[in-house]
């Protein structure tokens, strides 16, 4: 989520724990499903500096600046269908 300048919007840092605290939330960290739900709450949080959800800022970025990286350079497939 480094595509958003969180400090500019009043957050202490860009790590999930800081974002949640700044948005008024708390969660059990380091459980994948909890982290995913927490991220959705942060993206839905209306930033006081813009009056819009954080997701709106993320979507304003050009697609080239948004990328999904994985440790492998191959298409995803379901090994059970082979």
C-alpha atoms as a PDB file:
ATOM      1  CA  UNK A   1       0.000   0.000   0.000  1.00  0.00           C
ATOM      2  CA  UNK A   2       2.959   2.252  -0.543  1.00  0.00           C
ATOM      3  CA  UNK A   3       1.100   3.832  -3.471  1.00  0.00           C
ATOM      4  CA  UNK A   4      -0.708   6.079  -0.966  1.00  0.00           C
ATOM      5  CA  UNK A   5       1.211   8.744   0.953  1.00  0.00           C
ATOM      6  CA  UNK A   6      -0.306   7.791   4.307  1.00  0.00           C
ATOM      7  CA  UNK A   7       1.635  10.393   6.307  1.00  0.00           C
ATOM      8  CA  UNK A   8       0.101  13.125   4.153  1.00  0.00           C
ATOM      9  CA  UNK A   9      -3.290  11.854   5.302  1.00  0.00           C
ATOM     10  CA  UNK A  10      -2.430  11.849   9.012  1.00  0.00           C
ATOM     11  CA  UNK A  11      -1.188   8.306   9.561  1.00  0.00           C
ATOM     12  CA  UNK A  12       2.014   7.592  11.499  1.00  0.00           C
ATOM     13  CA  UNK A  13       3.298   5.021   8.981  1.00  0.00           C
ATOM     14  CA  UNK A  14       2.156   2.727   6.183  1.00  0.00           C
ATOM     15  CA  UNK A  15       2.297  -0.607   8.041  1.00  0.00           C
ATOM     16  CA  UNK A  16      -1.104  -2.218   8.540  1.00  0.00           C
ATOM     17  CA  UNK A  17      -1.019  -1.840  12.331  1.00  0.00           C
ATOM     18  CA  UNK A  18      -0.448   1.910  12.092  1.00  0.00           C
ATOM     19  CA  UNK A  19      -3.130   2.298   9.425  1.00  0.00           C
ATOM     20  CA  UNK A  20      -5.647   0.440  11.544  1.00  0.00           C
ATOM     21  CA  UNK A  21      -4.810   2.468  14.636  1.00  0.00           C
ATOM     22  CA  UNK A  22      -5.156   5.694  12.642  1.00  0.00           C
ATOM     23  CA  UNK A  23      -8.547   4.537  11.367  1.00  0.00           C
ATOM     24  CA  UNK A  24      -9.672   3.581  14.883  1.00  0.00           C
ATOM     25  CA  UNK A  25      -9.493  -0.205  14.519  1.00  0.00           C
ATOM     26  CA  UNK A  26      -7.725  -3.039  16.303  1.00  0.00           C
ATOM     27  CA  UNK A  27      -7.280  -6.616  15.119  1.00  0.00           C
ATOM     28  CA  UNK A  28      -5.404  -9.810  15.838  1.00  0.00           C
ATOM     29  CA  UNK A  29      -2.317  -9.414  13.691  1.00  0.00           C
ATOM     30  CA  UNK A  30      -0.518 -12.030  11.616  1.00  0.00           C
ATOM     31  CA  UNK A  31      -3.468 -14.234  10.750  1.00  0.00           C
ATOM     32  CA  UNK A  32      -3.949 -14.066   6.999  1.00  0.00           C
ATOM     33  CA  UNK A  33      -7.730 -13.857   6.987  1.00  0.00           C
ATOM     34  CA  UNK A  34      -7.724 -11.210   9.749  1.00  0.00           C
ATOM     35  CA  UNK A  35      -5.102  -9.173   7.896  1.00  0.00           C
ATOM     36  CA  UNK A  36      -7.184  -9.321   4.708  1.00  0.00           C
ATOM     37  CA  UNK A  37     -10.312  -8.137   6.500  1.00  0.00           C
ATOM     38  CA  UNK A  38      -8.298  -5.399   8.209  1.00  0.00           C
ATOM     39  CA  UNK A  39      -6.946  -4.220   4.862  1.00  0.00           C
ATOM     40  CA  UNK A  40     -10.471  -3.978   3.490  1.00  0.00           C
ATOM     41  CA  UNK A  41     -11.474  -1.808   6.464  1.00  0.00           C
ATOM     42  CA  UNK A  42      -8.500   0.499   5.855  1.00  0.00           C
ATOM     43  CA  UNK A  43      -9.349   0.827   2.160  1.00  0.00           C
ATOM     44  CA  UNK A  44     -12.974   1.613   3.066  1.00  0.00           C
ATOM     45  CA  UNK A  45     -11.928   4.230   5.649  1.00  0.00           C
ATOM     46  CA  UNK A  46     -12.905   7.756   4.585  1.00  0.00           C
ATOM     47  CA  UNK A  47      -9.806   9.938   4.754  1.00  0.00           C
ATOM     48  CA  UNK A  48     -10.480  13.260   6.483  1.00  0.00           C
ATOM     49  CA  UNK A  49      -8.111  15.007   4.076  1.00  0.00           C
ATOM     50  CA  UNK A  50     -10.064  13.996   0.968  1.00  0.00           C
ATOM     51  CA  UNK A  51     -13.530  13.008   2.166  1.00  0.00           C
ATOM     52  CA  UNK A  52     -13.203   9.826   0.105  1.00  0.00           C
ATOM     53  CA  UNK A  53     -12.243   6.247   0.948  1.00  0.00           C
ATOM     54  CA  UNK A  54      -8.561   5.337   0.769  1.00  0.00           C
ATOM     55  CA  UNK A  55      -9.413   2.970  -2.087  1.00  0.00           C
ATOM     56  CA  UNK A  56     -10.343   5.978  -4.227  1.00  0.00           C
ATOM     57  CA  UNK A  57      -6.791   7.310  -3.902  1.00  0.00           C
ATOM     58  CA  UNK A  58      -5.374   3.940  -4.823  1.00  0.00           C
ATOM     59  CA  UNK A  59      -7.545   3.700  -7.936  1.00  0.00           C
ATOM     60  CA  UNK A  60      -6.480   7.183  -9.100  1.00  0.00           C
ATOM     61  CA  UNK A  61      -2.973   5.858  -9.729  1.00  0.00           C
ATOM     62  CA  UNK A  62      -2.174   4.812 -13.290  1.00  0.00           C
ATOM     63  CA  UNK A  63      -2.406   1.031 -13.797  1.00  0.00           C
ATOM     64  CA  UNK A  64       1.316   0.820 -14.545  1.00  0.00           C
ATOM     65  CA  UNK A  65       2.090   1.955 -11.001  1.00  0.00           C
ATOM     66  CA  UNK A  66      -0.122  -0.779  -9.540  1.00  0.00           C
ATOM     67  CA  UNK A  67       1.272  -4.251  -9.807  1.00  0.00           C
ATOM     68  CA  UNK A  68       0.930  -7.572  -8.150  1.00  0.00           C
ATOM     69  CA  UNK A  69       4.139  -9.442  -7.551  1.00  0.00           C
ATOM     70  CA  UNK A  70       4.686 -13.030  -6.676  1.00  0.00           C
ATOM     71  CA  UNK A  71       7.745 -15.107  -6.105  1.00  0.00           C
ATOM     72  CA  UNK A  72       7.232 -16.925  -9.383  1.00  0.00           C
ATOM     73  CA  UNK A  73       6.963 -15.799 -12.987  1.00  0.00           C
ATOM     74  CA  UNK A  74       4.393 -18.264 -14.203  1.00  0.00           C
ATOM     75  CA  UNK A  75       0.631 -18.172 -14.613  1.00  0.00           C
ATOM     76  CA  UNK A  76      -1.487 -19.475 -11.774  1.00  0.00           C
ATOM     77  CA  UNK A  77      -3.066 -22.829 -12.362  1.00  0.00           C
ATOM     78  CA  UNK A  78      -4.924 -25.415 -10.410  1.00  0.00           C
ATOM     79  CA  UNK A  79      -2.723 -28.498 -10.169  1.00  0.00           C
ATOM     80  CA  UNK A  80      -5.809 -30.682  -9.693  1.00  0.00           C
ATOM     81  CA  UNK A  81      -7.034 -29.981 -13.230  1.00  0.00           C
ATOM     82  CA  UNK A  82      -3.959 -31.409 -14.878  1.00  0.00           C
END
